[in-house]
Amino acid sequence: MTENEIAKIVVDTVLHVHKKLGPGLLESVYEIVLAHALQKRGLKVERQVPVAIVFEGIKFDEGFRADLIVEEKVIVELKSVEKVIPVHKKQLLTYLRLADKRLGLLINFGSELIRDGISRVVNGL
C-alpha cells in the first residue's frame, strides 16, 4: 500500500471520528480513538513511537515521539488547538526527515470543520 493510499484511509477515518466526537477534546482522546478506528480498517498503527535521532555522532534512542505511525510509512501528528501555526508543519517535516518517512498528516481536531484541520506534509514524495 502506498503512502497516498494510506493517507486516503486515514483522512476518511479522521472525518468519521470528528463527526462522531466533535472538536475540542484532548489530543490523547483523538489519538486512542483514531488508532482504534484505523486498526478496525485493517491498518497497522503504532502509538507514541519513539524515534531515534543522531546528533554529533551520538544516537539518542528517543529524539521525539510520533503520535501515530500508520503501516510504518505515514506519520500522523495530532493537534487539538484553535489554530495550526506554521511551526506545527515545520515540526512534522522535521519528524519525517528524522524518521526517514515521506508523508505526514497534521490533523487538528480543534477545527470546527475538520477539512480545514487536515494538512499534508511531504518529504521527497
PDB file of N, CA and C in Angstrom:
ATOM      1  N   MET A   1       0.857  -1.177   0.000  1.00  0.00           N
ATOM      2  CA  MET A   1       0.000   0.000   0.000  1.00  0.00           C
ATOM      3  C   MET A   1       0.905   1.243   0.000  1.00  0.00           C
ATOM      4  N   THR A   2       0.603   2.200  -0.857  1.00  0.00           N
ATOM      5  CA  THR A   2       1.423   3.411  -0.950  1.00  0.00           C
ATOM      6  C   THR A   2       1.058   4.399   0.161  1.00  0.00           C
ATOM      7  N   GLU A   3       1.926   5.382   0.334  1.00  0.00           N
ATOM      8  CA  GLU A   3       1.660   6.432   1.311  1.00  0.00           C
ATOM      9  C   GLU A   3       0.345   7.148   1.018  1.00  0.00           C
ATOM     10  N   ASN A   4       0.097   7.420  -0.253  1.00  0.00           N
ATOM     11  CA  ASN A   4      -1.131   8.130  -0.622  1.00  0.00           C
ATOM     12  C   ASN A   4      -2.378   7.292  -0.356  1.00  0.00           C
ATOM     13  N   GLU A   5      -2.302   6.003  -0.593  1.00  0.00           N
ATOM     14  CA  GLU A   5      -3.433   5.121  -0.302  1.00  0.00           C
ATOM     15  C   GLU A   5      -3.713   5.077   1.205  1.00  0.00           C
ATOM     16  N   ILE A   6      -2.644   5.017   1.977  1.00  0.00           N
ATOM     17  CA  ILE A   6      -2.783   5.030   3.443  1.00  0.00           C
ATOM     18  C   ILE A   6      -3.407   6.347   3.888  1.00  0.00           C
ATOM     19  N   ALA A   7      -2.890   7.454   3.348  1.00  0.00           N
ATOM     20  CA  ALA A   7      -3.389   8.780   3.726  1.00  0.00           C
ATOM     21  C   ALA A   7      -4.874   8.925   3.431  1.00  0.00           C
ATOM     22  N   LYS A   8      -5.323   8.372   2.316  1.00  0.00           N
ATOM     23  CA  LYS A   8      -6.748   8.453   1.965  1.00  0.00           C
ATOM     24  C   LYS A   8      -7.605   7.764   3.025  1.00  0.00           C
ATOM     25  N   ILE A   9      -7.171   6.605   3.479  1.00  0.00           N
ATOM     26  CA  ILE A   9      -7.905   5.880   4.519  1.00  0.00           C
ATOM     27  C   ILE A   9      -7.863   6.653   5.835  1.00  0.00           C
ATOM     28  N   VAL A  10      -6.692   7.218   6.166  1.00  0.00           N
ATOM     29  CA  VAL A  10      -6.563   7.992   7.406  1.00  0.00           C
ATOM     30  C   VAL A  10      -7.513   9.187   7.377  1.00  0.00           C
ATOM     31  N   VAL A  11      -7.515   9.937   6.284  1.00  0.00           N
ATOM     32  CA  VAL A  11      -8.378  11.124   6.185  1.00  0.00           C
ATOM     33  C   VAL A  11      -9.848  10.730   6.293  1.00  0.00           C
ATOM     34  N   ASP A  12     -10.238   9.678   5.611  1.00  0.00           N
ATOM     35  CA  ASP A  12     -11.619   9.211   5.692  1.00  0.00           C
ATOM     36  C   ASP A  12     -11.980   8.850   7.135  1.00  0.00           C
ATOM     37  N   THR A  13     -11.065   8.205   7.822  1.00  0.00           N
ATOM     38  CA  THR A  13     -11.305   7.807   9.212  1.00  0.00           C
ATOM     39  C   THR A  13     -11.339   9.020  10.137  1.00  0.00           C
ATOM     40  N   VAL A  14     -10.476   9.993   9.879  1.00  0.00           N
ATOM     41  CA  VAL A  14     -10.477  11.242  10.655  1.00  0.00           C
ATOM     42  C   VAL A  14     -11.834  11.935  10.524  1.00  0.00           C
ATOM     43  N   LEU A  15     -12.371  11.997   9.306  1.00  0.00           N
ATOM     44  CA  LEU A  15     -13.679  12.621   9.089  1.00  0.00           C
ATOM     45  C   LEU A  15     -14.747  11.922   9.929  1.00  0.00           C
ATOM     46  N   HIS A  16     -14.712  10.614   9.951  1.00  0.00           N
ATOM     47  CA  HIS A  16     -15.685   9.831  10.725  1.00  0.00           C
ATOM     48  C   HIS A  16     -15.536  10.102  12.227  1.00  0.00           C
ATOM     49  N   VAL A  17     -14.300  10.082  12.725  1.00  0.00           N
ATOM     50  CA  VAL A  17     -14.057  10.308  14.161  1.00  0.00           C
ATOM     51  C   VAL A  17     -14.497  11.708  14.567  1.00  0.00           C
ATOM     52  N   HIS A  18     -14.152  12.707  13.760  1.00  0.00           N
ATOM     53  CA  HIS A  18     -14.516  14.092  14.087  1.00  0.00           C
ATOM     54  C   HIS A  18     -16.032  14.270  14.077  1.00  0.00           C
ATOM     55  N   LYS A  19     -16.686  13.615  13.131  1.00  0.00           N
ATOM     56  CA  LYS A  19     -18.145  13.713  13.059  1.00  0.00           C
ATOM     57  C   LYS A  19     -18.788  13.127  14.319  1.00  0.00           C
ATOM     58  N   LYS A  20     -18.234  12.028  14.805  1.00  0.00           N
ATOM     59  CA  LYS A  20     -18.802  11.358  15.989  1.00  0.00           C
ATOM     60  C   LYS A  20     -18.476  12.104  17.289  1.00  0.00           C
ATOM     61  N   LEU A  21     -17.222  12.590  17.425  1.00  0.00           N
ATOM     62  CA  LEU A  21     -16.780  13.186  18.694  1.00  0.00           C
ATOM     63  C   LEU A  21     -16.864  14.704  18.727  1.00  0.00           C
ATOM     64  N   GLY A  22     -16.753  15.351  17.559  1.00  0.00           N
ATOM     65  CA  GLY A  22     -16.736  16.809  17.522  1.00  0.00           C
ATOM     66  C   GLY A  22     -15.389  17.369  17.922  1.00  0.00           C
ATOM     67  N   PRO A  23     -15.238  18.693  17.864  1.00  0.00           N
ATOM     68  CA  PRO A  23     -13.964  19.336  18.204  1.00  0.00           C
ATOM     69  C   PRO A  23     -13.827  19.562  19.706  1.00  0.00           C
ATOM     70  N   GLY A  24     -12.590  19.807  20.129  1.00  0.00           N
ATOM     71  CA  GLY A  24     -12.360  20.322  21.471  1.00  0.00           C
ATOM     72  C   GLY A  24     -11.941  19.358  22.554  1.00  0.00           C
ATOM     73  N   LEU A  25     -11.833  18.053  22.239  1.00  0.00           N
ATOM     74  CA  LEU A  25     -11.359  17.117  23.256  1.00  0.00           C
ATOM     75  C   LEU A  25      -9.832  17.144  23.307  1.00  0.00           C
ATOM     76  N   LEU A  26      -9.260  16.473  24.265  1.00  0.00           N
ATOM     77  CA  LEU A  26      -7.807  16.383  24.361  1.00  0.00           C
ATOM     78  C   LEU A  26      -7.244  15.561  23.203  1.00  0.00           C
ATOM     79  N   GLU A  27      -6.017  15.887  22.802  1.00  0.00           N
ATOM     80  CA  GLU A  27      -5.355  15.145  21.727  1.00  0.00           C
ATOM     81  C   GLU A  27      -5.299  13.654  22.035  1.00  0.00           C
ATOM     82  N   SER A  28      -5.067  13.324  23.284  1.00  0.00           N
ATOM     83  CA  SER A  28      -4.933  11.916  23.671  1.00  0.00           C
ATOM     84  C   SER A  28      -6.210  11.127  23.396  1.00  0.00           C
ATOM     85  N   VAL A  29      -7.356  11.764  23.528  1.00  0.00           N
ATOM     86  CA  VAL A  29      -8.627  11.095  23.240  1.00  0.00           C
ATOM     87  C   VAL A  29      -8.718  10.781  21.747  1.00  0.00           C
ATOM     88  N   TYR A  30      -8.427  11.773  20.923  1.00  0.00           N
ATOM     89  CA  TYR A  30      -8.466  11.551  19.475  1.00  0.00           C
ATOM     90  C   TYR A  30      -7.435  10.505  19.055  1.00  0.00           C
ATOM     91  N   GLU A  31      -6.287  10.524  19.690  1.00  0.00           N
ATOM     92  CA  GLU A  31      -5.233   9.566  19.342  1.00  0.00           C
ATOM     93  C   GLU A  31      -5.692   8.125  19.551  1.00  0.00           C
ATOM     94  N   ILE A  32      -6.229   7.848  20.719  1.00  0.00           N
ATOM     95  CA  ILE A  32      -6.631   6.475  21.017  1.00  0.00           C
ATOM     96  C   ILE A  32      -7.814   6.034  20.158  1.00  0.00           C
ATOM     97  N   VAL A  33      -8.766   6.940  19.936  1.00  0.00           N
ATOM     98  CA  VAL A  33      -9.940   6.595  19.129  1.00  0.00           C
ATOM     99  C   VAL A  33      -9.551   6.425  17.656  1.00  0.00           C
ATOM    100  N   LEU A  34      -8.724   7.328  17.137  1.00  0.00           N
ATOM    101  CA  LEU A  34      -8.298   7.226  15.744  1.00  0.00           C
ATOM    102  C   LEU A  34      -7.475   5.957  15.525  1.00  0.00           C
ATOM    103  N   ALA A  35      -6.577   5.650  16.435  1.00  0.00           N
ATOM    104  CA  ALA A  35      -5.778   4.424  16.313  1.00  0.00           C
ATOM    105  C   ALA A  35      -6.693   3.202  16.263  1.00  0.00           C
ATOM    106  N   HIS A  36      -7.667   3.165  17.141  1.00  0.00           N
ATOM    107  CA  HIS A  36      -8.614   2.050  17.170  1.00  0.00           C
ATOM    108  C   HIS A  36      -9.395   1.950  15.850  1.00  0.00           C
ATOM    109  N   ALA A  37      -9.889   3.081  15.370  1.00  0.00           N
ATOM    110  CA  ALA A  37     -10.681   3.091  14.135  1.00  0.00           C
ATOM    111  C   ALA A  37      -9.837   2.659  12.931  1.00  0.00           C
ATOM    112  N   LEU A  38      -8.579   3.062  12.887  1.00  0.00           N
ATOM    113  CA  LEU A  38      -7.703   2.658  11.783  1.00  0.00           C
ATOM    114  C   LEU A  38      -7.387   1.161  11.853  1.00  0.00           C
ATOM    115  N   GLN A  39      -7.193   0.658  13.057  1.00  0.00           N
ATOM    116  CA  GLN A  39      -6.944  -0.772  13.219  1.00  0.00           C
ATOM    117  C   GLN A  39      -8.165  -1.585  12.784  1.00  0.00           C
ATOM    118  N   LYS A  40      -9.357  -1.085  13.083  1.00  0.00           N
ATOM    119  CA  LYS A  40     -10.574  -1.755  12.638  1.00  0.00           C
ATOM    120  C   LYS A  40     -10.644  -1.833  11.117  1.00  0.00           C
ATOM    121  N   ARG A  41     -10.004  -0.872  10.458  1.00  0.00           N
ATOM    122  CA  ARG A  41      -9.986  -0.860   8.980  1.00  0.00           C
ATOM    123  C   ARG A  41      -8.828  -1.695   8.424  1.00  0.00           C
ATOM    124  N   GLY A  42      -8.141  -2.394   9.310  1.00  0.00           N
ATOM    125  CA  GLY A  42      -7.102  -3.321   8.881  1.00  0.00           C
ATOM    126  C   GLY A  42      -5.708  -2.751   8.756  1.00  0.00           C
ATOM    127  N   LEU A  43      -5.499  -1.535   9.246  1.00  0.00           N
ATOM    128  CA  LEU A  43      -4.176  -0.924   9.157  1.00  0.00           C
ATOM    129  C   LEU A  43      -3.364  -1.182  10.421  1.00  0.00           C
ATOM    130  N   LYS A  44      -2.057  -1.304  10.230  1.00  0.00           N
ATOM    131  CA  LYS A  44      -1.143  -1.414  11.366  1.00  0.00           C
ATOM    132  C   LYS A  44      -0.887  -0.002  11.879  1.00  0.00           C
ATOM    133  N   VAL A  45      -1.140   0.212  13.174  1.00  0.00           N
ATOM    134  CA  VAL A  45      -0.987   1.536  13.768  1.00  0.00           C
ATOM    135  C   VAL A  45      -0.166   1.413  15.040  1.00  0.00           C
ATOM    136  N   GLU A  46       0.854   2.255  15.139  1.00  0.00           N
ATOM    137  CA  GLU A  46       1.664   2.334  16.354  1.00  0.00           C
ATOM    138  C   GLU A  46       1.443   3.702  16.977  1.00  0.00           C
ATOM    139  N   ARG A  47       1.286   3.738  18.305  1.00  0.00           N
ATOM    140  CA  ARG A  47       1.062   4.992  19.028  1.00  0.00           C
ATOM    141  C   ARG A  47       2.294   5.368  19.830  1.00  0.00           C
ATOM    142  N   GLN A  48       2.548   6.688  19.905  1.00  0.00           N
ATOM    143  CA  GLN A  48       3.631   7.233  20.716  1.00  0.00           C
ATOM    144  C   GLN A  48       4.947   6.488  20.468  1.00  0.00           C
ATOM    145  N   VAL A  49       5.315   6.433  19.199  1.00  0.00           N
ATOM    146  CA  VAL A  49       6.503   5.689  18.778  1.00  0.00           C
ATOM    147  C   VAL A  49       7.754   6.532  19.004  1.00  0.00           C
ATOM    148  N   PRO A  50       8.684   6.030  19.836  1.00  0.00           N
ATOM    149  CA  PRO A  50       9.938   6.774  19.997  1.00  0.00           C
ATOM    150  C   PRO A  50      10.775   6.665  18.721  1.00  0.00           C
ATOM    151  N   VAL A  51      11.273   7.788  18.248  1.00  0.00           N
ATOM    152  CA  VAL A  51      12.097   7.819  17.043  1.00  0.00           C
ATOM    153  C   VAL A  51      13.469   8.353  17.435  1.00  0.00           C
ATOM    154  N   ALA A  52      14.480   7.553  17.132  1.00  0.00           N
ATOM    155  CA  ALA A  52      15.853   7.914  17.482  1.00  0.00           C
ATOM    156  C   ALA A  52      16.366   9.032  16.575  1.00  0.00           C
ATOM    157  N   ILE A  53      17.296   9.801  17.102  1.00  0.00           N
ATOM    158  CA  ILE A  53      17.992  10.802  16.293  1.00  0.00           C
ATOM    159  C   ILE A  53      19.486  10.640  16.526  1.00  0.00           C
ATOM    160  N   VAL A  54      20.267  11.094  15.555  1.00  0.00           N
ATOM    161  CA  VAL A  54      21.718  11.103  15.687  1.00  0.00           C
ATOM    162  C   VAL A  54      22.160  12.553  15.652  1.00  0.00           C
ATOM    163  N   PHE A  55      22.918  12.926  16.668  1.00  0.00           N
ATOM    164  CA  PHE A  55      23.423  14.294  16.757  1.00  0.00           C
ATOM    165  C   PHE A  55      24.888  14.220  17.131  1.00  0.00           C
ATOM    166  N   GLU A  56      25.722  14.843  16.292  1.00  0.00           N
ATOM    167  CA  GLU A  56      27.167  14.849  16.501  1.00  0.00           C
ATOM    168  C   GLU A  56      27.712  13.438  16.738  1.00  0.00           C
ATOM    169  N   GLY A  57      27.193  12.504  15.942  1.00  0.00           N
ATOM    170  CA  GLY A  57      27.672  11.134  16.003  1.00  0.00           C
ATOM    171  C   GLY A  57      27.143  10.302  17.158  1.00  0.00           C
ATOM    172  N   ILE A  58      26.276  10.885  17.973  1.00  0.00           N
ATOM    173  CA  ILE A  58      25.709  10.163  19.112  1.00  0.00           C
ATOM    174  C   ILE A  58      24.253   9.861  18.814  1.00  0.00           C
ATOM    175  N   LYS A  59      23.874   8.594  19.005  1.00  0.00           N
ATOM    176  CA  LYS A  59      22.483   8.194  18.780  1.00  0.00           C
ATOM    177  C   LYS A  59      21.705   8.336  20.082  1.00  0.00           C
ATOM    178  N   PHE A  60      20.610   9.084  19.986  1.00  0.00           N
ATOM    179  CA  PHE A  60      19.684   9.235  21.105  1.00  0.00           C
ATOM    180  C   PHE A  60      18.442   8.426  20.745  1.00  0.00           C
ATOM    181  N   ASP A  61      18.139   7.416  21.549  1.00  0.00           N
ATOM    182  CA  ASP A  61      17.053   6.495  21.211  1.00  0.00           C
ATOM    183  C   ASP A  61      15.685   7.153  21.177  1.00  0.00           C
ATOM    184  N   GLU A  62      15.514   8.233  21.903  1.00  0.00           N
ATOM    185  CA  GLU A  62      14.203   8.871  21.946  1.00  0.00           C
ATOM    186  C   GLU A  62      14.326  10.356  21.649  1.00  0.00           C
ATOM    187  N   GLY A  63      14.492  10.667  20.364  1.00  0.00           N
ATOM    188  CA  GLY A  63      14.584  12.053  19.959  1.00  0.00           C
ATOM    189  C   GLY A  63      13.231  12.751  20.046  1.00  0.00           C
ATOM    190  N   PHE A  64      12.200  12.020  19.660  1.00  0.00           N
ATOM    191  CA  PHE A  64      10.829  12.521  19.757  1.00  0.00           C
ATOM    192  C   PHE A  64       9.895  11.329  19.713  1.00  0.00           C
ATOM    193  N   ARG A  65       8.631  11.568  19.968  1.00  0.00           N
ATOM    194  CA  ARG A  65       7.617  10.519  19.880  1.00  0.00           C
ATOM    195  C   ARG A  65       6.604  10.911  18.810  1.00  0.00           C
ATOM    196  N   ALA A  66       6.430  10.027  17.852  1.00  0.00           N
ATOM    197  CA  ALA A  66       5.413  10.238  16.820  1.00  0.00           C
ATOM    198  C   ALA A  66       4.062   9.835  17.398  1.00  0.00           C
ATOM    199  N   ASP A  67       3.054  10.700  17.239  1.00  0.00           N
ATOM    200  CA  ASP A  67       1.720  10.364  17.753  1.00  0.00           C
ATOM    201  C   ASP A  67       1.253   9.029  17.194  1.00  0.00           C
ATOM    202  N   LEU A  68       1.211   8.926  15.873  1.00  0.00           N
ATOM    203  CA  LEU A  68       0.832   7.675  15.213  1.00  0.00           C
ATOM    204  C   LEU A  68       1.740   7.451  14.009  1.00  0.00           C
ATOM    205  N   ILE A  69       2.116   6.204  13.801  1.00  0.00           N
ATOM    206  CA  ILE A  69       2.755   5.810  12.546  1.00  0.00           C
ATOM    207  C   ILE A  69       1.887   4.697  11.975  1.00  0.00           C
ATOM    208  N   VAL A  70       1.416   4.925  10.760  1.00  0.00           N
ATOM    209  CA  VAL A  70       0.477   4.004  10.124  1.00  0.00           C
ATOM    210  C   VAL A  70       1.200   3.219   9.034  1.00  0.00           C
ATOM    211  N   GLU A  71       1.099   1.898   9.134  1.00  0.00           N
ATOM    212  CA  GLU A  71       1.702   0.992   8.156  1.00  0.00           C
ATOM    213  C   GLU A  71       3.205   1.242   7.990  1.00  0.00           C
ATOM    214  N   GLU A  72       3.845   1.741   9.027  1.00  0.00           N
ATOM    215  CA  GLU A  72       5.286   2.033   9.026  1.00  0.00           C
ATOM    216  C   GLU A  72       5.695   3.030   7.940  1.00  0.00           C
ATOM    217  N   LYS A  73       4.717   3.786   7.398  1.00  0.00           N
ATOM    218  CA  LYS A  73       5.006   4.694   6.292  1.00  0.00           C
ATOM    219  C   LYS A  73       4.559   6.130   6.516  1.00  0.00           C
ATOM    220  N   VAL A  74       3.463   6.342   7.223  1.00  0.00           N
ATOM    221  CA  VAL A  74       2.873   7.677   7.333  1.00  0.00           C
ATOM    222  C   VAL A  74       2.831   8.094   8.802  1.00  0.00           C
ATOM    223  N   ILE A  75       3.403   9.264   9.076  1.00  0.00           N
ATOM    224  CA  ILE A  75       3.334   9.830  10.427  1.00  0.00           C
ATOM    225  C   ILE A  75       2.087  10.695  10.511  1.00  0.00           C
ATOM    226  N   VAL A  76       1.314  10.483  11.558  1.00  0.00           N
ATOM    227  CA  VAL A  76       0.120  11.296  11.796  1.00  0.00           C
ATOM    228  C   VAL A  76       0.353  12.061  13.095  1.00  0.00           C
ATOM    229  N   GLU A  77       0.442  13.373  12.971  1.00  0.00           N
ATOM    230  CA  GLU A  77       0.646  14.256  14.121  1.00  0.00           C
ATOM    231  C   GLU A  77      -0.694  14.890  14.459  1.00  0.00           C
ATOM    232  N   LEU A  78      -1.126  14.726  15.689  1.00  0.00           N
ATOM    233  CA  LEU A  78      -2.443  15.205  16.104  1.00  0.00           C
ATOM    234  C   LEU A  78      -2.336  16.468  16.947  1.00  0.00           C
ATOM    235  N   LYS A  79      -3.255  17.373  16.698  1.00  0.00           N
ATOM    236  CA  LYS A  79      -3.399  18.589  17.492  1.00  0.00           C
ATOM    237  C   LYS A  79      -4.870  18.754  17.841  1.00  0.00           C
ATOM    238  N   SER A  80      -5.109  19.506  18.890  1.00  0.00           N
ATOM    239  CA  SER A  80      -6.472  19.907  19.232  1.00  0.00           C
ATOM    240  C   SER A  80      -6.375  21.342  19.731  1.00  0.00           C
ATOM    241  N   VAL A  81      -6.120  22.226  18.771  1.00  0.00           N
ATOM    242  CA  VAL A  81      -5.869  23.636  19.073  1.00  0.00           C
ATOM    243  C   VAL A  81      -6.810  24.510  18.252  1.00  0.00           C
ATOM    244  N   GLU A  82      -6.919  25.759  18.650  1.00  0.00           N
ATOM    245  CA  GLU A  82      -7.794  26.677  17.919  1.00  0.00           C
ATOM    246  C   GLU A  82      -7.319  26.871  16.485  1.00  0.00           C
ATOM    247  N   LYS A  83      -5.983  26.979  16.328  1.00  0.00           N
ATOM    248  CA  LYS A  83      -5.435  27.232  15.000  1.00  0.00           C
ATOM    249  C   LYS A  83      -4.045  26.608  14.894  1.00  0.00           C
ATOM    250  N   VAL A  84      -3.808  25.931  13.788  1.00  0.00           N
ATOM    251  CA  VAL A  84      -2.470  25.403  13.500  1.00  0.00           C
ATOM    252  C   VAL A  84      -1.601  26.574  13.070  1.00  0.00           C
ATOM    253  N   ILE A  85      -0.386  26.621  13.576  1.00  0.00           N
ATOM    254  CA  ILE A  85       0.550  27.680  13.200  1.00  0.00           C
ATOM    255  C   ILE A  85       1.684  27.065  12.374  1.00  0.00           C
ATOM    256  N   PRO A  86       2.404  27.879  11.619  1.00  0.00           N
ATOM    257  CA  PRO A  86       3.428  27.345  10.715  1.00  0.00           C
ATOM    258  C   PRO A  86       4.446  26.407  11.377  1.00  0.00           C
ATOM    259  N   VAL A  87       4.777  26.637  12.625  1.00  0.00           N
ATOM    260  CA  VAL A  87       5.770  25.788  13.280  1.00  0.00           C
ATOM    261  C   VAL A  87       5.293  24.347  13.418  1.00  0.00           C
ATOM    262  N   HIS A  88       3.984  24.119  13.475  1.00  0.00           N
ATOM    263  CA  HIS A  88       3.464  22.748  13.563  1.00  0.00           C
ATOM    264  C   HIS A  88       3.821  21.963  12.302  1.00  0.00           C
ATOM    265  N   LYS A  89       3.706  22.588  11.140  1.00  0.00           N
ATOM    266  CA  LYS A  89       4.049  21.920   9.884  1.00  0.00           C
ATOM    267  C   LYS A  89       5.556  21.716   9.778  1.00  0.00           C
ATOM    268  N   LYS A  90       6.333  22.691  10.237  1.00  0.00           N
ATOM    269  CA  LYS A  90       7.792  22.551  10.223  1.00  0.00           C
ATOM    270  C   LYS A  90       8.229  21.413  11.139  1.00  0.00           C
ATOM    271  N   GLN A  91       7.565  21.309  12.284  1.00  0.00           N
ATOM    272  CA  GLN A  91       7.857  20.236  13.231  1.00  0.00           C
ATOM    273  C   GLN A  91       7.610  18.877  12.577  1.00  0.00           C
ATOM    274  N   LEU A  92       6.484  18.723  11.905  1.00  0.00           N
ATOM    275  CA  LEU A  92       6.170  17.458  11.254  1.00  0.00           C
ATOM    276  C   LEU A  92       7.170  17.147  10.148  1.00  0.00           C
ATOM    277  N   LEU A  93       7.581  18.153   9.382  1.00  0.00           N
ATOM    278  CA  LEU A  93       8.577  17.925   8.337  1.00  0.00           C
ATOM    279  C   LEU A  93       9.891  17.437   8.948  1.00  0.00           C
ATOM    280  N   THR A  94      10.288  18.014  10.056  1.00  0.00           N
ATOM    281  CA  THR A  94      11.500  17.563  10.748  1.00  0.00           C
ATOM    282  C   THR A  94      11.338  16.119  11.211  1.00  0.00           C
ATOM    283  N   TYR A  95      10.171  15.776  11.748  1.00  0.00           N
ATOM    284  CA  TYR A  95       9.899  14.392  12.161  1.00  0.00           C
ATOM    285  C   TYR A  95      10.046  13.446  10.976  1.00  0.00           C
ATOM    286  N   LEU A  96       9.490  13.839   9.821  1.00  0.00           N
ATOM    287  CA  LEU A  96       9.589  13.000   8.633  1.00  0.00           C
ATOM    288  C   LEU A  96      11.037  12.775   8.233  1.00  0.00           C
ATOM    289  N   ARG A  97      11.816  13.829   8.257  1.00  0.00           N
ATOM    290  CA  ARG A  97      13.238  13.710   7.891  1.00  0.00           C
ATOM    291  C   ARG A  97      13.975  12.796   8.859  1.00  0.00           C
ATOM    292  N   LEU A  98      13.777  13.012  10.151  1.00  0.00           N
ATOM    293  CA  LEU A  98      14.485  12.216  11.154  1.00  0.00           C
ATOM    294  C   LEU A  98      14.057  10.752  11.131  1.00  0.00           C
ATOM    295  N   ALA A  99      12.790  10.496  10.830  1.00  0.00           N
ATOM    296  CA  ALA A  99      12.273   9.119  10.814  1.00  0.00           C
ATOM    297  C   ALA A  99      12.414   8.467   9.439  1.00  0.00           C
ATOM    298  N   ASP A 100      12.932   9.231   8.456  1.00  0.00           N
ATOM    299  CA  ASP A 100      13.091   8.749   7.090  1.00  0.00           C
ATOM    300  C   ASP A 100      11.754   8.277   6.501  1.00  0.00           C
ATOM    301  N   LYS A 101      10.736   9.107   6.672  1.00  0.00           N
ATOM    302  CA  LYS A 101       9.407   8.856   6.101  1.00  0.00           C
ATOM    303  C   LYS A 101       9.126   9.930   5.060  1.00  0.00           C
ATOM    304  N   ARG A 102       8.213   9.625   4.127  1.00  0.00           N
ATOM    305  CA  ARG A 102       7.950  10.557   3.034  1.00  0.00           C
ATOM    306  C   ARG A 102       6.660  11.350   3.168  1.00  0.00           C
ATOM    307  N   LEU A 103       5.725  10.892   4.010  1.00  0.00           N
ATOM    308  CA  LEU A 103       4.443  11.587   4.101  1.00  0.00           C
ATOM    309  C   LEU A 103       3.978  11.675   5.548  1.00  0.00           C
ATOM    310  N   GLY A 104       3.501  12.873   5.891  1.00  0.00           N
ATOM    311  CA  GLY A 104       2.907  13.078   7.205  1.00  0.00           C
ATOM    312  C   GLY A 104       1.589  13.811   7.066  1.00  0.00           C
ATOM    313  N   LEU A 105       0.705  13.538   7.995  1.00  0.00           N
ATOM    314  CA  LEU A 105      -0.569  14.246   8.056  1.00  0.00           C
ATOM    315  C   LEU A 105      -0.643  14.969   9.386  1.00  0.00           C
ATOM    316  N   LEU A 106      -0.903  16.267   9.310  1.00  0.00           N
ATOM    317  CA  LEU A 106      -1.123  17.078  10.503  1.00  0.00           C
ATOM    318  C   LEU A 106      -2.627  17.247  10.625  1.00  0.00           C
ATOM    319  N   ILE A 107      -3.181  16.707  11.700  1.00  0.00           N
ATOM    320  CA  ILE A 107      -4.630  16.725  11.897  1.00  0.00           C
ATOM    321  C   ILE A 107      -4.954  17.573  13.118  1.00  0.00           C
ATOM    322  N   ASN A 108      -5.726  18.637  12.910  1.00  0.00           N
ATOM    323  CA  ASN A 108      -6.157  19.481  14.019  1.00  0.00           C
ATOM    324  C   ASN A 108      -7.625  19.215  14.319  1.00  0.00           C
ATOM    325  N   PHE A 109      -7.860  18.427  15.362  1.00  0.00           N
ATOM    326  CA  PHE A 109      -9.226  18.117  15.753  1.00  0.00           C
ATOM    327  C   PHE A 109      -9.915  19.308  16.417  1.00  0.00           C
ATOM    328  N   GLY A 110      -9.186  20.382  16.648  1.00  0.00           N
ATOM    329  CA  GLY A 110      -9.788  21.574  17.221  1.00  0.00           C
ATOM    330  C   GLY A 110     -10.551  22.405  16.209  1.00  0.00           C
ATOM    331  N   SER A 111     -10.395  22.089  14.933  1.00  0.00           N
ATOM    332  CA  SER A 111     -11.098  22.829  13.881  1.00  0.00           C
ATOM    333  C   SER A 111     -12.590  22.538  13.910  1.00  0.00           C
ATOM    334  N   GLU A 112     -13.375  23.575  13.730  1.00  0.00           N
ATOM    335  CA  GLU A 112     -14.822  23.394  13.662  1.00  0.00           C
ATOM    336  C   GLU A 112     -15.191  22.493  12.482  1.00  0.00           C
ATOM    337  N   LEU A 113     -14.585  22.776  11.324  1.00  0.00           N
ATOM    338  CA  LEU A 113     -14.739  21.926  10.141  1.00  0.00           C
ATOM    339  C   LEU A 113     -13.435  21.159   9.965  1.00  0.00           C
ATOM    340  N   ILE A 114     -13.491  19.854  10.099  1.00  0.00           N
ATOM    341  CA  ILE A 114     -12.260  19.064  10.091  1.00  0.00           C
ATOM    342  C   ILE A 114     -11.499  19.178   8.777  1.00  0.00           C
ATOM    343  N   ARG A 115     -12.209  19.409   7.667  1.00  0.00           N
ATOM    344  CA  ARG A 115     -11.483  19.552   6.389  1.00  0.00           C
ATOM    345  C   ARG A 115     -10.499  20.718   6.447  1.00  0.00           C
ATOM    346  N   ASP A 116     -10.781  21.730   7.284  1.00  0.00           N
ATOM    347  CA  ASP A 116      -9.862  22.858   7.451  1.00  0.00           C
ATOM    348  C   ASP A 116      -8.698  22.504   8.371  1.00  0.00           C
ATOM    349  N   GLY A 117      -8.785  21.368   9.038  1.00  0.00           N
ATOM    350  CA  GLY A 117      -7.769  20.978  10.008  1.00  0.00           C
ATOM    351  C   GLY A 117      -6.853  19.872   9.537  1.00  0.00           C
ATOM    352  N   ILE A 118      -6.881  19.551   8.235  1.00  0.00           N
ATOM    353  CA  ILE A 118      -6.050  18.478   7.697  1.00  0.00           C
ATOM    354  C   ILE A 118      -5.011  19.061   6.760  1.00  0.00           C
ATOM    355  N   SER A 119      -3.742  18.780   7.048  1.00  0.00           N
ATOM    356  CA  SER A 119      -2.643  19.249   6.211  1.00  0.00           C
ATOM    357  C   SER A 119      -1.723  18.080   5.859  1.00  0.00           C
ATOM    358  N   ARG A 120      -1.333  18.027   4.596  1.00  0.00           N
ATOM    359  CA  ARG A 120      -0.329  17.041   4.151  1.00  0.00           C
ATOM    360  C   ARG A 120       1.040  17.706   4.189  1.00  0.00           C
ATOM    361  N   VAL A 121       2.007  16.979   4.695  1.00  0.00           N
ATOM    362  CA  VAL A 121       3.385  17.451   4.702  1.00  0.00           C
ATOM    363  C   VAL A 121       4.227  16.359   4.059  1.00  0.00           C
ATOM    364  N   VAL A 122       5.013  16.732   3.053  1.00  0.00           N
ATOM    365  CA  VAL A 122       5.779  15.723   2.321  1.00  0.00           C
ATOM    366  C   VAL A 122       7.276  15.948   2.482  1.00  0.00           C
ATOM    367  N   ASN A 123       7.990  14.843   2.413  1.00  0.00           N
ATOM    368  CA  ASN A 123       9.444  14.839   2.482  1.00  0.00           C
ATOM    369  C   ASN A 123       9.936  14.020   1.290  1.00  0.00           C
ATOM    370  N   GLY A 124      10.025  14.670   0.130  1.00  0.00           N
ATOM    371  CA  GLY A 124      10.522  13.998  -1.053  1.00  0.00           C
ATOM    372  C   GLY A 124       9.546  13.040  -1.706  1.00  0.00           C
ATOM    373  N   LEU A 125       8.277  13.159  -1.425  1.00  0.00           N
ATOM    374  CA  LEU A 125       7.265  12.269  -2.029  1.00  0.00           C
ATOM    375  C   LEU A 125       6.865  12.774  -3.393  1.00  0.00           C
TER     376      LEU A 125
END
